[in-house]
PDB file of N, CA and C in Angstrom:
ATOM      1  N   MET A   1       0.838  -1.178   0.000  1.00  0.00           N
ATOM      2  CA  MET A   1       0.000   0.000   0.000  1.00  0.00           C
ATOM      3  C   MET A   1       0.889   1.251   0.000  1.00  0.00           C
ATOM      4  N   ALA A   2       0.545   2.197  -0.848  1.00  0.00           N
ATOM      5  CA  ALA A   2       1.319   3.428  -0.958  1.00  0.00           C
ATOM      6  C   ALA A   2       1.078   4.312   0.268  1.00  0.00           C
ATOM      7  N   PRO A   3       2.113   5.014   0.717  1.00  0.00           N
ATOM      8  CA  PRO A   3       1.922   5.911   1.852  1.00  0.00           C
ATOM      9  C   PRO A   3       0.991   7.064   1.496  1.00  0.00           C
ATOM     10  N   SER A   4       0.270   7.552   2.472  1.00  0.00           N
ATOM     11  CA  SER A   4      -0.633   8.685   2.253  1.00  0.00           C
ATOM     12  C   SER A   4       0.181   9.957   2.060  1.00  0.00           C
ATOM     13  N   ASP A   5      -0.479  10.978   1.545  1.00  0.00           N
ATOM     14  CA  ASP A   5       0.174  12.280   1.403  1.00  0.00           C
ATOM     15  C   ASP A   5       0.676  12.769   2.760  1.00  0.00           C
ATOM     16  N   TRP A   6      -0.150  12.621   3.782  1.00  0.00           N
ATOM     17  CA  TRP A   6       0.221  13.086   5.112  1.00  0.00           C
ATOM     18  C   TRP A   6       1.474  12.352   5.607  1.00  0.00           C
ATOM     19  N   ASP A   7       1.518  11.038   5.393  1.00  0.00           N
ATOM     20  CA  ASP A   7       2.701  10.274   5.797  1.00  0.00           C
ATOM     21  C   ASP A   7       3.948  10.776   5.079  1.00  0.00           C
ATOM     22  N   LEU A   8       3.815  11.045   3.792  1.00  0.00           N
ATOM     23  CA  LEU A   8       4.956  11.544   3.034  1.00  0.00           C
ATOM     24  C   LEU A   8       5.393  12.922   3.527  1.00  0.00           C
ATOM     25  N   VAL A   9       4.444  13.789   3.807  1.00  0.00           N
ATOM     26  CA  VAL A   9       4.784  15.120   4.323  1.00  0.00           C
ATOM     27  C   VAL A   9       5.511  14.985   5.656  1.00  0.00           C
ATOM     28  N   GLN A  10       5.028  14.119   6.511  1.00  0.00           N
ATOM     29  CA  GLN A  10       5.694  13.916   7.801  1.00  0.00           C
ATOM     30  C   GLN A  10       7.129  13.416   7.601  1.00  0.00           C
ATOM     31  N   ARG A  11       7.329  12.557   6.631  1.00  0.00           N
ATOM     32  CA  ARG A  11       8.682  12.058   6.339  1.00  0.00           C
ATOM     33  C   ARG A  11       9.586  13.178   5.828  1.00  0.00           C
ATOM     34  N   VAL A  12       9.029  14.031   4.970  1.00  0.00           N
ATOM     35  CA  VAL A  12       9.810  15.169   4.467  1.00  0.00           C
ATOM     36  C   VAL A  12      10.201  16.069   5.630  1.00  0.00           C
ATOM     37  N   ARG A  13       9.268  16.350   6.492  1.00  0.00           N
ATOM     38  CA  ARG A  13       9.544  17.203   7.655  1.00  0.00           C
ATOM     39  C   ARG A  13      10.633  16.604   8.542  1.00  0.00           C
ATOM     40  N   ALA A  14      10.750  15.280   8.519  1.00  0.00           N
ATOM     41  CA  ALA A  14      11.783  14.597   9.302  1.00  0.00           C
ATOM     42  C   ALA A  14      13.116  14.525   8.554  1.00  0.00           C
ATOM     43  N   GLY A  15      13.150  15.103   7.337  1.00  0.00           N
ATOM     44  CA  GLY A  15      14.402  15.157   6.593  1.00  0.00           C
ATOM     45  C   GLY A  15      14.530  14.184   5.437  1.00  0.00           C
ATOM     46  N   ASN A  16      13.482  13.462   5.114  1.00  0.00           N
ATOM     47  CA  ASN A  16      13.529  12.473   4.044  1.00  0.00           C
ATOM     48  C   ASN A  16      13.154  13.127   2.709  1.00  0.00           C
ATOM     49  N   ARG A  17      14.152  13.482   1.923  1.00  0.00           N
ATOM     50  CA  ARG A  17      13.883  14.137   0.636  1.00  0.00           C
ATOM     51  C   ARG A  17      13.269  13.182  -0.390  1.00  0.00           C
ATOM     52  N   ASP A  18      13.523  11.900  -0.241  1.00  0.00           N
ATOM     53  CA  ASP A  18      12.906  10.938  -1.155  1.00  0.00           C
ATOM     54  C   ASP A  18      11.383  10.962  -1.024  1.00  0.00           C
ATOM     55  N   ALA A  19      10.902  11.260   0.160  1.00  0.00           N
ATOM     56  CA  ALA A  19       9.448  11.349   0.365  1.00  0.00           C
ATOM     57  C   ALA A  19       8.874  12.504  -0.444  1.00  0.00           C
ATOM     58  N   PHE A  20       9.605  13.610  -0.538  1.00  0.00           N
ATOM     59  CA  PHE A  20       9.108  14.718  -1.358  1.00  0.00           C
ATOM     60  C   PHE A  20       9.139  14.336  -2.832  1.00  0.00           C
ATOM     61  N   ARG A  21      10.168  13.611  -3.235  1.00  0.00           N
ATOM     62  CA  ARG A  21      10.228  13.119  -4.615  1.00  0.00           C
ATOM     63  C   ARG A  21       8.989  12.281  -4.921  1.00  0.00           C
ATOM     64  N   MET A  22       8.549  11.478  -3.952  1.00  0.00           N
ATOM     65  CA  MET A  22       7.353  10.660  -4.154  1.00  0.00           C
ATOM     66  C   MET A  22       6.113  11.536  -4.323  1.00  0.00           C
ATOM     67  N   LEU A  23       6.014  12.611  -3.554  1.00  0.00           N
ATOM     68  CA  LEU A  23       4.889  13.543  -3.718  1.00  0.00           C
ATOM     69  C   LEU A  23       4.936  14.200  -5.093  1.00  0.00           C
ATOM     70  N   VAL A  24       6.113  14.616  -5.512  1.00  0.00           N
ATOM     71  CA  VAL A  24       6.253  15.228  -6.840  1.00  0.00           C
ATOM     72  C   VAL A  24       5.828  14.241  -7.911  1.00  0.00           C
ATOM     73  N   GLU A  25       6.319  13.015  -7.834  1.00  0.00           N
ATOM     74  CA  GLU A  25       5.959  12.007  -8.838  1.00  0.00           C
ATOM     75  C   GLU A  25       4.458  11.725  -8.824  1.00  0.00           C
ATOM     76  N   ARG A  26       3.872  11.773  -7.666  1.00  0.00           N
ATOM     77  CA  ARG A  26       2.432  11.492  -7.532  1.00  0.00           C
ATOM     78  C   ARG A  26       1.589  12.585  -8.204  1.00  0.00           C
ATOM     79  N   TYR A  27       2.036  13.846  -8.131  1.00  0.00           N
ATOM     80  CA  TYR A  27       1.201  14.960  -8.581  1.00  0.00           C
ATOM     81  C   TYR A  27       1.760  15.766  -9.741  1.00  0.00           C
ATOM     82  N   GLN A  28       2.945  15.460 -10.221  1.00  0.00           N
ATOM     83  CA  GLN A  28       3.532  16.303 -11.256  1.00  0.00           C
ATOM     84  C   GLN A  28       2.734  16.301 -12.556  1.00  0.00           C
ATOM     85  N   SER A  29       2.129  15.201 -12.920  1.00  0.00           N
ATOM     86  CA  SER A  29       1.366  15.187 -14.178  1.00  0.00           C
ATOM     87  C   SER A  29       0.122  16.071 -14.068  1.00  0.00           C
ATOM     88  N   ARG A  30      -0.523  16.078 -12.905  1.00  0.00           N
ATOM     89  CA  ARG A  30      -1.703  16.939 -12.722  1.00  0.00           C
ATOM     90  C   ARG A  30      -1.310  18.410 -12.690  1.00  0.00           C
ATOM     91  N   ILE A  31      -0.216  18.722 -12.017  1.00  0.00           N
ATOM     92  CA  ILE A  31       0.256  20.106 -11.969  1.00  0.00           C
ATOM     93  C   ILE A  31       0.733  20.534 -13.348  1.00  0.00           C
ATOM     94  N   ALA A  32       1.377  19.636 -14.085  1.00  0.00           N
ATOM     95  CA  ALA A  32       1.832  19.963 -15.437  1.00  0.00           C
ATOM     96  C   ALA A  32       0.645  20.255 -16.350  1.00  0.00           C
ATOM     97  N   ALA A  33      -0.400  19.453 -16.265  1.00  0.00           N
ATOM     98  CA  ALA A  33      -1.596  19.700 -17.087  1.00  0.00           C
ATOM     99  C   ALA A  33      -2.233  21.038 -16.722  1.00  0.00           C
ATOM    100  N   LEU A  34      -2.306  21.312 -15.452  1.00  0.00           N
ATOM    101  CA  LEU A  34      -2.856  22.577 -14.988  1.00  0.00           C
ATOM    102  C   LEU A  34      -2.012  23.750 -15.482  1.00  0.00           C
ATOM    103  N   SER A  35      -0.712  23.642 -15.367  1.00  0.00           N
ATOM    104  CA  SER A  35       0.157  24.748 -15.785  1.00  0.00           C
ATOM    105  C   SER A  35       0.153  24.915 -17.299  1.00  0.00           C
ATOM    106  N   ARG A  36       0.087  23.827 -18.044  1.00  0.00           N
ATOM    107  CA  ARG A  36       0.000  23.950 -19.514  1.00  0.00           C
ATOM    108  C   ARG A  36      -1.260  24.705 -19.910  1.00  0.00           C
ATOM    109  N   SER A  37      -2.353  24.379 -19.257  1.00  0.00           N
ATOM    110  CA  SER A  37      -3.613  25.049 -19.543  1.00  0.00           C
ATOM    111  C   SER A  37      -3.534  26.529 -19.191  1.00  0.00           C
ATOM    112  N   ALA A  38      -3.030  26.831 -18.005  1.00  0.00           N
ATOM    113  CA  ALA A  38      -2.937  28.219 -17.568  1.00  0.00           C
ATOM    114  C   ALA A  38      -1.903  28.990 -18.380  1.00  0.00           C
ATOM    115  N   CYS A  39      -0.777  28.369 -18.672  1.00  0.00           N
ATOM    116  CA  CYS A  39       0.305  29.072 -19.363  1.00  0.00           C
ATOM    117  C   CYS A  39      -0.015  29.343 -20.823  1.00  0.00           C
ATOM    118  N   SER A  40      -0.843  28.518 -21.416  1.00  0.00           N
ATOM    119  CA  SER A  40      -1.206  28.782 -22.809  1.00  0.00           C
ATOM    120  C   SER A  40      -1.977  30.092 -22.912  1.00  0.00           C
ATOM    121  N   ALA A  41      -2.649  30.452 -21.828  1.00  0.00           N
ATOM    122  CA  ALA A  41      -3.414  31.700 -21.821  1.00  0.00           C
ATOM    123  C   ALA A  41      -2.535  32.922 -21.589  1.00  0.00           C
ATOM    124  N   ILE A  42      -1.393  32.724 -20.912  1.00  0.00           N
ATOM    125  CA  ILE A  42      -0.574  33.884 -20.569  1.00  0.00           C
ATOM    126  C   ILE A  42       0.840  33.827 -21.140  1.00  0.00           C
ATOM    127  N   GLY A  43       1.220  32.713 -21.770  1.00  0.00           N
ATOM    128  CA  GLY A  43       2.494  32.637 -22.456  1.00  0.00           C
ATOM    129  C   GLY A  43       3.695  32.240 -21.611  1.00  0.00           C
ATOM    130  N   ASP A  44       3.519  31.843 -20.373  1.00  0.00           N
ATOM    131  CA  ASP A  44       4.644  31.375 -19.561  1.00  0.00           C
ATOM    132  C   ASP A  44       5.027  29.955 -19.965  1.00  0.00           C
ATOM    133  N   ASP A  45       6.243  29.551 -19.583  1.00  0.00           N
ATOM    134  CA  ASP A  45       6.712  28.194 -19.844  1.00  0.00           C
ATOM    135  C   ASP A  45       6.162  27.260 -18.774  1.00  0.00           C
ATOM    136  N   ALA A  46       5.345  26.314 -19.182  1.00  0.00           N
ATOM    137  CA  ALA A  46       4.657  25.432 -18.246  1.00  0.00           C
ATOM    138  C   ALA A  46       5.625  24.607 -17.403  1.00  0.00           C
ATOM    139  N   LEU A  47       6.725  24.147 -17.987  1.00  0.00           N
ATOM    140  CA  LEU A  47       7.668  23.336 -17.221  1.00  0.00           C
ATOM    141  C   LEU A  47       8.326  24.149 -16.113  1.00  0.00           C
ATOM    142  N   ASP A  48       8.617  25.414 -16.390  1.00  0.00           N
ATOM    143  CA  ASP A  48       9.162  26.281 -15.349  1.00  0.00           C
ATOM    144  C   ASP A  48       8.151  26.467 -14.221  1.00  0.00           C
ATOM    145  N   VAL A  49       6.898  26.590 -14.591  1.00  0.00           N
ATOM    146  CA  VAL A  49       5.842  26.770 -13.592  1.00  0.00           C
ATOM    147  C   VAL A  49       5.745  25.529 -12.710  1.00  0.00           C
ATOM    148  N   VAL A  50       5.850  24.349 -13.287  1.00  0.00           N
ATOM    149  CA  VAL A  50       5.799  23.112 -12.503  1.00  0.00           C
ATOM    150  C   VAL A  50       6.947  23.082 -11.503  1.00  0.00           C
ATOM    151  N   GLN A  51       8.156  23.371 -11.972  1.00  0.00           N
ATOM    152  CA  GLN A  51       9.315  23.360 -11.085  1.00  0.00           C
ATOM    153  C   GLN A  51       9.155  24.395  -9.967  1.00  0.00           C
ATOM    154  N   GLU A  52       8.735  25.582 -10.314  1.00  0.00           N
ATOM    155  CA  GLU A  52       8.543  26.635  -9.315  1.00  0.00           C
ATOM    156  C   GLU A  52       7.443  26.268  -8.327  1.00  0.00           C
ATOM    157  N   THR A  53       6.403  25.609  -8.815  1.00  0.00           N
ATOM    158  CA  THR A  53       5.306  25.189  -7.942  1.00  0.00           C
ATOM    159  C   THR A  53       5.814  24.260  -6.859  1.00  0.00           C
ATOM    160  N   PHE A  54       6.577  23.245  -7.243  1.00  0.00           N
ATOM    161  CA  PHE A  54       7.055  22.291  -6.249  1.00  0.00           C
ATOM    162  C   PHE A  54       8.151  22.882  -5.372  1.00  0.00           C
ATOM    163  N   THR A  55       8.906  23.826  -5.883  1.00  0.00           N
ATOM    164  CA  THR A  55       9.893  24.517  -5.047  1.00  0.00           C
ATOM    165  C   THR A  55       9.183  25.316  -3.964  1.00  0.00           C
ATOM    166  N   ARG A  56       8.152  26.073  -4.357  1.00  0.00           N
ATOM    167  CA  ARG A  56       7.380  26.843  -3.374  1.00  0.00           C
ATOM    168  C   ARG A  56       6.695  25.917  -2.371  1.00  0.00           C
ATOM    169  N   ALA A  57       6.177  24.804  -2.855  1.00  0.00           N
ATOM    170  CA  ALA A  57       5.513  23.856  -1.957  1.00  0.00           C
ATOM    171  C   ALA A  57       6.506  23.302  -0.939  1.00  0.00           C
ATOM    172  N   TYR A  58       7.688  22.943  -1.393  1.00  0.00           N
ATOM    173  CA  TYR A  58       8.702  22.413  -0.479  1.00  0.00           C
ATOM    174  C   TYR A  58       9.066  23.450   0.581  1.00  0.00           C
ATOM    175  N   GLU A  59       9.236  24.675   0.145  1.00  0.00           N
ATOM    176  CA  GLU A  59       9.640  25.743   1.061  1.00  0.00           C
ATOM    177  C   GLU A  59       8.560  26.096   2.083  1.00  0.00           C
ATOM    178  N   SER A  60       7.311  25.808   1.765  1.00  0.00           N
ATOM    179  CA  SER A  60       6.222  26.146   2.691  1.00  0.00           C
ATOM    180  C   SER A  60       5.528  24.904   3.241  1.00  0.00           C
ATOM    181  N   LEU A  61       6.197  23.779   3.171  1.00  0.00           N
ATOM    182  CA  LEU A  61       5.584  22.517   3.587  1.00  0.00           C
ATOM    183  C   LEU A  61       5.158  22.523   5.057  1.00  0.00           C
ATOM    184  N   ASP A  62       5.786  23.349   5.871  1.00  0.00           N
ATOM    185  CA  ASP A  62       5.393  23.435   7.276  1.00  0.00           C
ATOM    186  C   ASP A  62       3.973  23.961   7.442  1.00  0.00           C
ATOM    187  N   ARG A  63       3.417  24.568   6.395  1.00  0.00           N
ATOM    188  CA  ARG A  63       2.043  25.087   6.461  1.00  0.00           C
ATOM    189  C   ARG A  63       0.994  24.059   6.054  1.00  0.00           C
ATOM    190  N   PHE A  64       1.429  22.917   5.535  1.00  0.00           N
ATOM    191  CA  PHE A  64       0.480  21.871   5.160  1.00  0.00           C
ATOM    192  C   PHE A  64      -0.046  21.216   6.427  1.00  0.00           C
ATOM    193  N   LYS A  65      -1.347  21.302   6.626  1.00  0.00           N
ATOM    194  CA  LYS A  65      -1.974  20.813   7.861  1.00  0.00           C
ATOM    195  C   LYS A  65      -2.522  19.390   7.743  1.00  0.00           C
ATOM    196  N   GLY A  66      -2.679  18.906   6.522  1.00  0.00           N
ATOM    197  CA  GLY A  66      -3.206  17.563   6.343  1.00  0.00           C
ATOM    198  C   GLY A  66      -4.713  17.483   6.353  1.00  0.00           C
ATOM    199  N   ASP A  67      -5.396  18.630   6.423  1.00  0.00           N
ATOM    200  CA  ASP A  67      -6.857  18.608   6.443  1.00  0.00           C
ATOM    201  C   ASP A  67      -7.449  18.628   5.034  1.00  0.00           C
ATOM    202  N   ALA A  68      -6.578  18.649   4.034  1.00  0.00           N
ATOM    203  CA  ALA A  68      -6.984  18.563   2.623  1.00  0.00           C
ATOM    204  C   ALA A  68      -5.965  17.679   1.920  1.00  0.00           C
ATOM    205  N   ALA A  69      -6.319  17.229   0.745  1.00  0.00           N
ATOM    206  CA  ALA A  69      -5.371  16.452  -0.051  1.00  0.00           C
ATOM    207  C   ALA A  69      -4.179  17.335  -0.424  1.00  0.00           C
ATOM    208  N   PHE A  70      -3.028  16.736  -0.604  1.00  0.00           N
ATOM    209  CA  PHE A  70      -1.838  17.493  -0.966  1.00  0.00           C
ATOM    210  C   PHE A  70      -2.081  18.272  -2.257  1.00  0.00           C
ATOM    211  N   TYR A  71      -2.747  17.665  -3.227  1.00  0.00           N
ATOM    212  CA  TYR A  71      -3.025  18.369  -4.492  1.00  0.00           C
ATOM    213  C   TYR A  71      -3.864  19.627  -4.252  1.00  0.00           C
ATOM    214  N   THR A  72      -4.853  19.524  -3.398  1.00  0.00           N
ATOM    215  CA  THR A  72      -5.689  20.681  -3.085  1.00  0.00           C
ATOM    216  C   THR A  72      -4.849  21.799  -2.488  1.00  0.00           C
ATOM    217  N   TRP A  73      -3.894  21.428  -1.665  1.00  0.00           N
ATOM    218  CA  TRP A  73      -3.012  22.412  -1.035  1.00  0.00           C
ATOM    219  C   TRP A  73      -1.985  22.969  -2.022  1.00  0.00           C
ATOM    220  N   VAL A  74      -1.450  22.139  -2.919  1.00  0.00           N
ATOM    221  CA  VAL A  74      -0.385  22.584  -3.825  1.00  0.00           C
ATOM    222  C   VAL A  74      -0.943  23.347  -5.037  1.00  0.00           C
ATOM    223  N   TYR A  75      -2.181  23.109  -5.388  1.00  0.00           N
ATOM    224  CA  TYR A  75      -2.819  23.763  -6.532  1.00  0.00           C
ATOM    225  C   TYR A  75      -2.640  25.282  -6.521  1.00  0.00           C
ATOM    226  N   PRO A  76      -2.926  25.983  -5.409  1.00  0.00           N
ATOM    227  CA  PRO A  76      -2.731  27.442  -5.411  1.00  0.00           C
ATOM    228  C   PRO A  76      -1.281  27.863  -5.609  1.00  0.00           C
ATOM    229  N   HIS A  77      -0.335  27.005  -5.242  1.00  0.00           N
ATOM    230  CA  HIS A  77       1.077  27.320  -5.453  1.00  0.00           C
ATOM    231  C   HIS A  77       1.388  27.398  -6.950  1.00  0.00           C
ATOM    232  N   CYS A  78       0.561  26.777  -7.757  1.00  0.00           N
ATOM    233  CA  CYS A  78       0.711  26.825  -9.213  1.00  0.00           C
ATOM    234  C   CYS A  78      -0.042  28.010  -9.797  1.00  0.00           C
ATOM    235  N   ILE A  79      -1.270  28.191  -9.413  1.00  0.00           N
ATOM    236  CA  ILE A  79      -2.152  29.165 -10.046  1.00  0.00           C
ATOM    237  C   ILE A  79      -1.968  30.592  -9.546  1.00  0.00           C
ATOM    238  N   GLN A  80      -1.900  30.781  -8.257  1.00  0.00           N
ATOM    239  CA  GLN A  80      -1.864  32.142  -7.731  1.00  0.00           C
ATOM    240  C   GLN A  80      -0.685  32.973  -8.229  1.00  0.00           C
ATOM    241  N   PRO A  81       0.525  32.427  -8.327  1.00  0.00           N
ATOM    242  CA  PRO A  81       1.613  33.264  -8.870  1.00  0.00           C
ATOM    243  C   PRO A  81       1.370  33.693 -10.328  1.00  0.00           C
ATOM    244  N   LEU A  82       0.582  32.929 -11.047  1.00  0.00           N
ATOM    245  CA  LEU A  82       0.295  33.285 -12.441  1.00  0.00           C
ATOM    246  C   LEU A  82      -0.788  34.354 -12.538  1.00  0.00           C
ATOM    247  N   PHE A  83      -1.775  34.265 -11.647  1.00  0.00           N
ATOM    248  CA  PHE A  83      -2.945  35.127 -11.768  1.00  0.00           C
ATOM    249  C   PHE A  83      -3.215  36.037 -10.585  1.00  0.00           C
ATOM    250  N   GLY A  84      -2.437  35.915  -9.524  1.00  0.00           N
ATOM    251  CA  GLY A  84      -2.712  36.728  -8.356  1.00  0.00           C
ATOM    252  C   GLY A  84      -1.569  36.732  -7.377  1.00  0.00           C
ATOM    253  N   PRO A  85      -1.841  37.043  -6.143  1.00  0.00           N
ATOM    254  CA  PRO A  85      -0.785  37.113  -5.140  1.00  0.00           C
ATOM    255  C   PRO A  85      -0.206  35.725  -4.853  1.00  0.00           C
ATOM    256  N   PRO A  86       1.012  35.662  -4.303  1.00  0.00           N
ATOM    257  CA  PRO A  86       1.641  34.369  -4.006  1.00  0.00           C
ATOM    258  C   PRO A  86       0.809  33.532  -3.054  1.00  0.00           C
ATOM    259  N   ALA A  87       0.924  32.228  -3.203  1.00  0.00           N
ATOM    260  CA  ALA A  87       0.217  31.302  -2.313  1.00  0.00           C
ATOM    261  C   ALA A  87       0.756  31.442  -0.898  1.00  0.00           C
ATOM    262  N   PRO A  88      -0.108  31.279   0.085  1.00  0.00           N
ATOM    263  CA  PRO A  88       0.345  31.374   1.483  1.00  0.00           C
ATOM    264  C   PRO A  88       1.245  30.224   1.860  1.00  0.00           C
TER     265      PRO A  88
END
């Protein structure tokens, strides 16, 4: 059985970078599709947006509370910098 998002976040917080790699692999295709859709409207490079999204997510991982799916939490890290203020 695959570890839950919360389990992976807890592992990352404990210093396990491979756990973050697992989160990226789990959600990168969804974030890439989202960024391709958004970037086609504004002309940004979708792959750069994906990388920046996960960088911002890693840097603010202490704010992930586990009361929503990781994708729900990481989604604004992709969209808000493109269309509005930075994600919290």
